[in-house]
Amino acid sequence: MTGVRVASLADLADDTAVQVEVDGVPVCLARSGGEVFAVGDRCSHADVSLSEGDVEDGAVECWLHGSRFDLRTGAPSGLPANRPVPTYPVRIEGDDVLVDVSGATA
């Protein structure tokens, strides 16, 4: 995996999300259960930033309509969203968080 440094691990509190941009792609970078995940930052139901939502139990919730997306798979767990968001590989090197948007899965 290649990757772009997007954050410091120390700057990501558990159960939080931040928006980062990698090669022009908006990414929701989230930490949950001590792990760091990267998913597309746009809800698949509405053009809303997922990084502004709540993170809990390995999922991020869209603040507008309440759809929750699994941070590992990008799959929605309920309506109104019915399509997954892309997920991106994350690598931790020391305190650096790297994300590779070329390895997207959905």
N, C-alpha and C. Protein backbone atom coordinates (compact mmCIF):
# COMPACT_ATOMS: atom_id res chain seq x y z
N MET A 1 0.84 -1.18 0.00
CA MET A 1 0.00 0.00 0.00
C MET A 1 0.89 1.24 0.00
N THR A 2 0.59 2.14 -0.90
CA THR A 2 1.19 3.46 -0.80
C THR A 2 0.25 4.26 0.10
N GLY A 3 0.40 5.48 0.19
CA GLY A 3 -0.51 6.27 1.00
C GLY A 3 0.01 7.67 1.20
N VAL A 4 -0.92 8.52 1.61
CA VAL A 4 -0.62 9.91 1.87
C VAL A 4 -0.84 10.17 3.35
N ARG A 5 0.12 10.84 3.98
CA ARG A 5 -0.05 11.17 5.39
C ARG A 5 -1.17 12.19 5.51
N VAL A 6 -2.16 11.88 6.35
CA VAL A 6 -3.32 12.76 6.48
C VAL A 6 -3.50 13.30 7.90
N ALA A 7 -2.87 12.64 8.88
CA ALA A 7 -3.06 13.07 10.26
C ALA A 7 -2.02 12.42 11.16
N SER A 8 -2.01 12.89 12.37
CA SER A 8 -1.22 12.27 13.43
C SER A 8 -2.16 11.43 14.27
N LEU A 9 -1.75 10.24 14.61
CA LEU A 9 -2.58 9.36 15.42
C LEU A 9 -2.96 10.03 16.74
N ALA A 10 -2.04 10.78 17.30
CA ALA A 10 -2.29 11.47 18.58
C ALA A 10 -3.40 12.52 18.46
N ASP A 11 -3.66 13.00 17.25
CA ASP A 11 -4.68 14.02 17.05
C ASP A 11 -6.08 13.46 16.88
N LEU A 12 -6.23 12.13 16.81
CA LEU A 12 -7.53 11.51 16.59
C LEU A 12 -8.03 10.86 17.88
N ALA A 13 -8.97 11.49 18.52
CA ALA A 13 -9.57 10.90 19.73
C ALA A 13 -10.50 9.77 19.32
N ASP A 14 -10.68 8.81 20.21
CA ASP A 14 -11.58 7.70 19.92
C ASP A 14 -13.01 8.22 19.76
N ASP A 15 -13.76 7.60 18.87
CA ASP A 15 -15.15 7.94 18.57
C ASP A 15 -15.30 9.36 18.04
N THR A 16 -14.36 9.74 17.17
CA THR A 16 -14.44 11.02 16.48
C THR A 16 -14.13 10.82 15.01
N ALA A 17 -14.49 11.83 14.22
CA ALA A 17 -14.19 11.82 12.79
C ALA A 17 -13.74 13.21 12.38
N VAL A 18 -12.89 13.24 11.37
CA VAL A 18 -12.45 14.50 10.77
C VAL A 18 -12.45 14.32 9.26
N GLN A 19 -12.60 15.43 8.57
CA GLN A 19 -12.51 15.38 7.11
C GLN A 19 -11.08 15.67 6.71
N VAL A 20 -10.57 14.85 5.80
CA VAL A 20 -9.26 15.08 5.19
C VAL A 20 -9.45 14.97 3.68
N GLU A 21 -8.51 15.48 2.94
CA GLU A 21 -8.56 15.36 1.49
C GLU A 21 -7.31 14.64 1.03
N VAL A 22 -7.50 13.63 0.20
CA VAL A 22 -6.38 12.85 -0.32
C VAL A 22 -6.48 12.86 -1.84
N ASP A 23 -5.52 13.46 -2.49
CA ASP A 23 -5.51 13.55 -3.96
C ASP A 23 -6.84 14.07 -4.51
N GLY A 24 -7.41 15.06 -3.83
CA GLY A 24 -8.66 15.67 -4.27
C GLY A 24 -9.91 14.93 -3.85
N VAL A 25 -9.77 13.84 -3.12
CA VAL A 25 -10.92 13.02 -2.69
C VAL A 25 -11.24 13.35 -1.23
N PRO A 26 -12.49 13.79 -0.93
CA PRO A 26 -12.86 14.02 0.47
C PRO A 26 -13.03 12.69 1.20
N VAL A 27 -12.36 12.57 2.34
CA VAL A 27 -12.35 11.32 3.10
C VAL A 27 -12.76 11.61 4.54
N CYS A 28 -13.61 10.75 5.08
CA CYS A 28 -13.97 10.79 6.49
C CYS A 28 -12.99 9.87 7.21
N LEU A 29 -12.13 10.45 8.03
CA LEU A 29 -11.15 9.69 8.80
C LEU A 29 -11.72 9.55 10.21
N ALA A 30 -11.94 8.32 10.64
CA ALA A 30 -12.59 8.09 11.93
C ALA A 30 -11.79 7.12 12.79
N ARG A 31 -11.89 7.32 14.09
CA ARG A 31 -11.25 6.40 15.03
C ARG A 31 -12.35 5.83 15.93
N SER A 32 -12.38 4.51 16.00
CA SER A 32 -13.39 3.83 16.80
C SER A 32 -12.79 2.55 17.36
N GLY A 33 -12.95 2.33 18.65
CA GLY A 33 -12.39 1.14 19.27
C GLY A 33 -10.88 1.08 19.16
N GLY A 34 -10.24 2.25 19.07
CA GLY A 34 -8.80 2.31 18.96
C GLY A 34 -8.27 2.10 17.56
N GLU A 35 -9.13 1.78 16.61
CA GLU A 35 -8.71 1.58 15.21
C GLU A 35 -9.05 2.82 14.40
N VAL A 36 -8.31 3.02 13.31
CA VAL A 36 -8.54 4.16 12.43
C VAL A 36 -9.07 3.65 11.10
N PHE A 37 -10.10 4.32 10.59
CA PHE A 37 -10.76 3.93 9.35
C PHE A 37 -10.88 5.13 8.43
N ALA A 38 -10.98 4.86 7.14
CA ALA A 38 -11.19 5.91 6.15
C ALA A 38 -12.32 5.47 5.22
N VAL A 39 -13.34 6.31 5.12
CA VAL A 39 -14.46 6.06 4.21
C VAL A 39 -14.73 7.33 3.42
N GLY A 40 -15.46 7.20 2.32
CA GLY A 40 -15.85 8.37 1.55
C GLY A 40 -16.61 9.33 2.45
N ASP A 41 -16.37 10.61 2.30
CA ASP A 41 -16.96 11.60 3.20
C ASP A 41 -18.34 12.08 2.77
N ARG A 42 -18.95 11.44 1.81
CA ARG A 42 -20.27 11.84 1.37
C ARG A 42 -21.27 10.71 1.60
N CYS A 43 -22.35 11.03 2.30
CA CYS A 43 -23.42 10.06 2.52
C CYS A 43 -23.96 9.63 1.16
N SER A 44 -24.23 8.34 1.00
CA SER A 44 -24.73 7.85 -0.29
C SER A 44 -26.20 8.19 -0.50
N HIS A 45 -26.87 8.69 0.52
CA HIS A 45 -28.28 9.08 0.38
C HIS A 45 -28.41 10.56 0.03
N ALA A 46 -27.57 11.38 0.63
CA ALA A 46 -27.61 12.83 0.40
C ALA A 46 -26.18 13.35 0.37
N ASP A 47 -25.98 14.47 -0.26
CA ASP A 47 -24.64 15.03 -0.37
C ASP A 47 -24.28 15.75 0.93
N VAL A 48 -24.03 14.94 1.96
CA VAL A 48 -23.76 15.45 3.30
C VAL A 48 -22.45 14.86 3.79
N SER A 49 -21.66 15.66 4.49
CA SER A 49 -20.37 15.21 5.00
C SER A 49 -20.55 14.26 6.18
N LEU A 50 -20.06 13.03 6.03
CA LEU A 50 -20.14 12.05 7.11
C LEU A 50 -19.22 12.41 8.27
N SER A 51 -18.14 13.14 7.99
CA SER A 51 -17.20 13.49 9.05
C SER A 51 -17.81 14.43 10.08
N GLU A 52 -18.97 15.00 9.78
CA GLU A 52 -19.66 15.86 10.72
C GLU A 52 -20.61 15.06 11.62
N GLY A 53 -20.70 13.74 11.38
CA GLY A 53 -21.61 12.90 12.15
C GLY A 53 -20.94 12.27 13.36
N ASP A 54 -21.73 11.51 14.09
CA ASP A 54 -21.24 10.83 15.28
C ASP A 54 -20.62 9.50 14.92
N VAL A 55 -19.58 9.13 15.67
CA VAL A 55 -18.89 7.85 15.51
C VAL A 55 -19.12 7.03 16.78
N GLU A 56 -19.58 5.79 16.59
CA GLU A 56 -19.83 4.92 17.73
C GLU A 56 -19.89 3.47 17.27
N ASP A 57 -19.29 2.59 18.03
CA ASP A 57 -19.35 1.15 17.78
C ASP A 57 -18.99 0.77 16.34
N GLY A 58 -17.93 1.37 15.82
CA GLY A 58 -17.46 1.00 14.49
C GLY A 58 -18.31 1.51 13.34
N ALA A 59 -19.10 2.55 13.59
CA ALA A 59 -19.95 3.12 12.54
C ALA A 59 -19.95 4.64 12.64
N VAL A 60 -20.23 5.28 11.52
CA VAL A 60 -20.40 6.74 11.50
C VAL A 60 -21.84 7.00 11.07
N GLU A 61 -22.47 7.95 11.74
CA GLU A 61 -23.88 8.27 11.48
C GLU A 61 -23.97 9.59 10.73
N CYS A 62 -24.73 9.60 9.65
CA CYS A 62 -25.00 10.83 8.92
C CYS A 62 -25.86 11.73 9.80
N TRP A 63 -25.44 12.94 10.00
CA TRP A 63 -26.14 13.85 10.90
C TRP A 63 -27.48 14.33 10.35
N LEU A 64 -27.68 14.24 9.03
CA LEU A 64 -28.91 14.79 8.45
C LEU A 64 -30.11 13.84 8.57
N HIS A 65 -29.94 12.59 8.16
CA HIS A 65 -31.08 11.66 8.17
C HIS A 65 -30.86 10.43 9.04
N GLY A 66 -29.70 10.30 9.65
CA GLY A 66 -29.48 9.22 10.61
C GLY A 66 -29.00 7.90 10.05
N SER A 67 -28.69 7.82 8.77
CA SER A 67 -28.14 6.57 8.23
C SER A 67 -26.78 6.32 8.88
N ARG A 68 -26.51 5.06 9.21
CA ARG A 68 -25.23 4.68 9.80
C ARG A 68 -24.47 3.81 8.80
N PHE A 69 -23.15 4.03 8.73
CA PHE A 69 -22.30 3.30 7.81
C PHE A 69 -21.21 2.58 8.58
N ASP A 70 -21.05 1.28 8.30
CA ASP A 70 -20.00 0.48 8.92
C ASP A 70 -18.65 1.01 8.45
N LEU A 71 -17.76 1.32 9.39
CA LEU A 71 -16.46 1.88 9.03
C LEU A 71 -15.54 0.87 8.37
N ARG A 72 -15.77 -0.42 8.58
CA ARG A 72 -14.94 -1.45 7.94
C ARG A 72 -15.35 -1.72 6.49
N THR A 73 -16.66 -1.74 6.25
CA THR A 73 -17.17 -2.15 4.94
C THR A 73 -17.81 -1.03 4.13
N GLY A 74 -18.19 0.05 4.79
CA GLY A 74 -18.90 1.13 4.12
C GLY A 74 -20.38 0.86 3.96
N ALA A 75 -20.86 -0.30 4.36
CA ALA A 75 -22.26 -0.69 4.18
C ALA A 75 -23.17 0.10 5.12
N PRO A 76 -24.33 0.55 4.59
CA PRO A 76 -25.30 1.20 5.46
C PRO A 76 -26.03 0.16 6.29
N SER A 77 -26.41 0.54 7.50
CA SER A 77 -27.12 -0.41 8.36
C SER A 77 -28.61 -0.16 8.38
N GLY A 78 -29.06 0.83 7.65
CA GLY A 78 -30.50 1.10 7.61
C GLY A 78 -30.82 2.27 6.71
N LEU A 79 -32.08 2.43 6.45
CA LEU A 79 -32.56 3.51 5.58
C LEU A 79 -32.38 4.86 6.26
N PRO A 80 -32.34 5.94 5.50
CA PRO A 80 -32.69 6.02 4.09
C PRO A 80 -31.57 5.62 3.13
N ALA A 81 -30.32 5.55 3.59
CA ALA A 81 -29.24 5.14 2.68
C ALA A 81 -29.38 3.65 2.36
N ASN A 82 -29.16 3.32 1.09
CA ASN A 82 -29.22 1.90 0.70
C ASN A 82 -28.01 1.48 -0.16
N ARG A 83 -27.04 2.38 -0.30
CA ARG A 83 -25.80 2.08 -1.03
C ARG A 83 -24.62 2.32 -0.11
N PRO A 84 -23.57 1.51 -0.23
CA PRO A 84 -22.39 1.71 0.61
C PRO A 84 -21.60 2.95 0.18
N VAL A 85 -20.75 3.41 1.08
CA VAL A 85 -19.77 4.43 0.75
C VAL A 85 -18.44 3.72 0.56
N PRO A 86 -17.53 4.30 -0.23
CA PRO A 86 -16.24 3.64 -0.43
C PRO A 86 -15.42 3.61 0.86
N THR A 87 -14.60 2.59 0.98
CA THR A 87 -13.65 2.50 2.08
C THR A 87 -12.24 2.54 1.49
N TYR A 88 -11.30 3.02 2.27
CA TYR A 88 -9.93 3.17 1.80
C TYR A 88 -8.96 2.53 2.79
N PRO A 89 -7.89 1.92 2.29
CA PRO A 89 -6.89 1.34 3.18
C PRO A 89 -6.21 2.40 4.04
N VAL A 90 -5.99 2.06 5.29
CA VAL A 90 -5.30 2.93 6.24
C VAL A 90 -4.08 2.19 6.77
N ARG A 91 -2.99 2.90 6.89
CA ARG A 91 -1.78 2.32 7.48
C ARG A 91 -1.25 3.31 8.53
N ILE A 92 -0.81 2.76 9.64
CA ILE A 92 -0.21 3.57 10.69
C ILE A 92 1.30 3.32 10.69
N GLU A 93 2.08 4.39 10.58
CA GLU A 93 3.54 4.31 10.64
C GLU A 93 3.99 5.22 11.76
N GLY A 94 4.33 4.61 12.89
CA GLY A 94 4.67 5.42 14.06
C GLY A 94 3.43 6.17 14.50
N ASP A 95 3.48 7.50 14.42
CA ASP A 95 2.33 8.34 14.78
C ASP A 95 1.61 8.86 13.54
N ASP A 96 2.08 8.51 12.36
CA ASP A 96 1.49 9.00 11.12
C ASP A 96 0.37 8.09 10.63
N VAL A 97 -0.73 8.71 10.20
CA VAL A 97 -1.86 7.99 9.61
C VAL A 97 -1.80 8.23 8.10
N LEU A 98 -1.70 7.14 7.33
CA LEU A 98 -1.64 7.22 5.88
C LEU A 98 -2.89 6.59 5.27
N VAL A 99 -3.42 7.22 4.23
CA VAL A 99 -4.61 6.72 3.53
C VAL A 99 -4.28 6.61 2.05
N ASP A 100 -4.76 5.51 1.44
CA ASP A 100 -4.54 5.25 0.02
C ASP A 100 -5.89 5.22 -0.70
N VAL A 101 -6.22 6.33 -1.39
CA VAL A 101 -7.52 6.38 -2.08
C VAL A 101 -7.53 5.56 -3.36
N SER A 102 -6.35 5.14 -3.84
CA SER A 102 -6.33 4.31 -5.05
C SER A 102 -6.79 2.89 -4.76
N GLY A 103 -6.84 2.50 -3.48
CA GLY A 103 -7.27 1.16 -3.11
C GLY A 103 -8.70 1.10 -2.63
N ALA A 104 -9.57 1.96 -3.17
CA ALA A 104 -10.96 2.07 -2.72
C ALA A 104 -11.73 0.78 -2.96
N THR A 105 -12.59 0.46 -2.01
CA THR A 105 -13.57 -0.62 -2.16
C THR A 105 -14.93 -0.07 -1.78
N ALA A 106 -15.95 -0.67 -2.33
CA ALA A 106 -17.31 -0.20 -1.97
C ALA A 106 -18.23 -1.38 -1.80
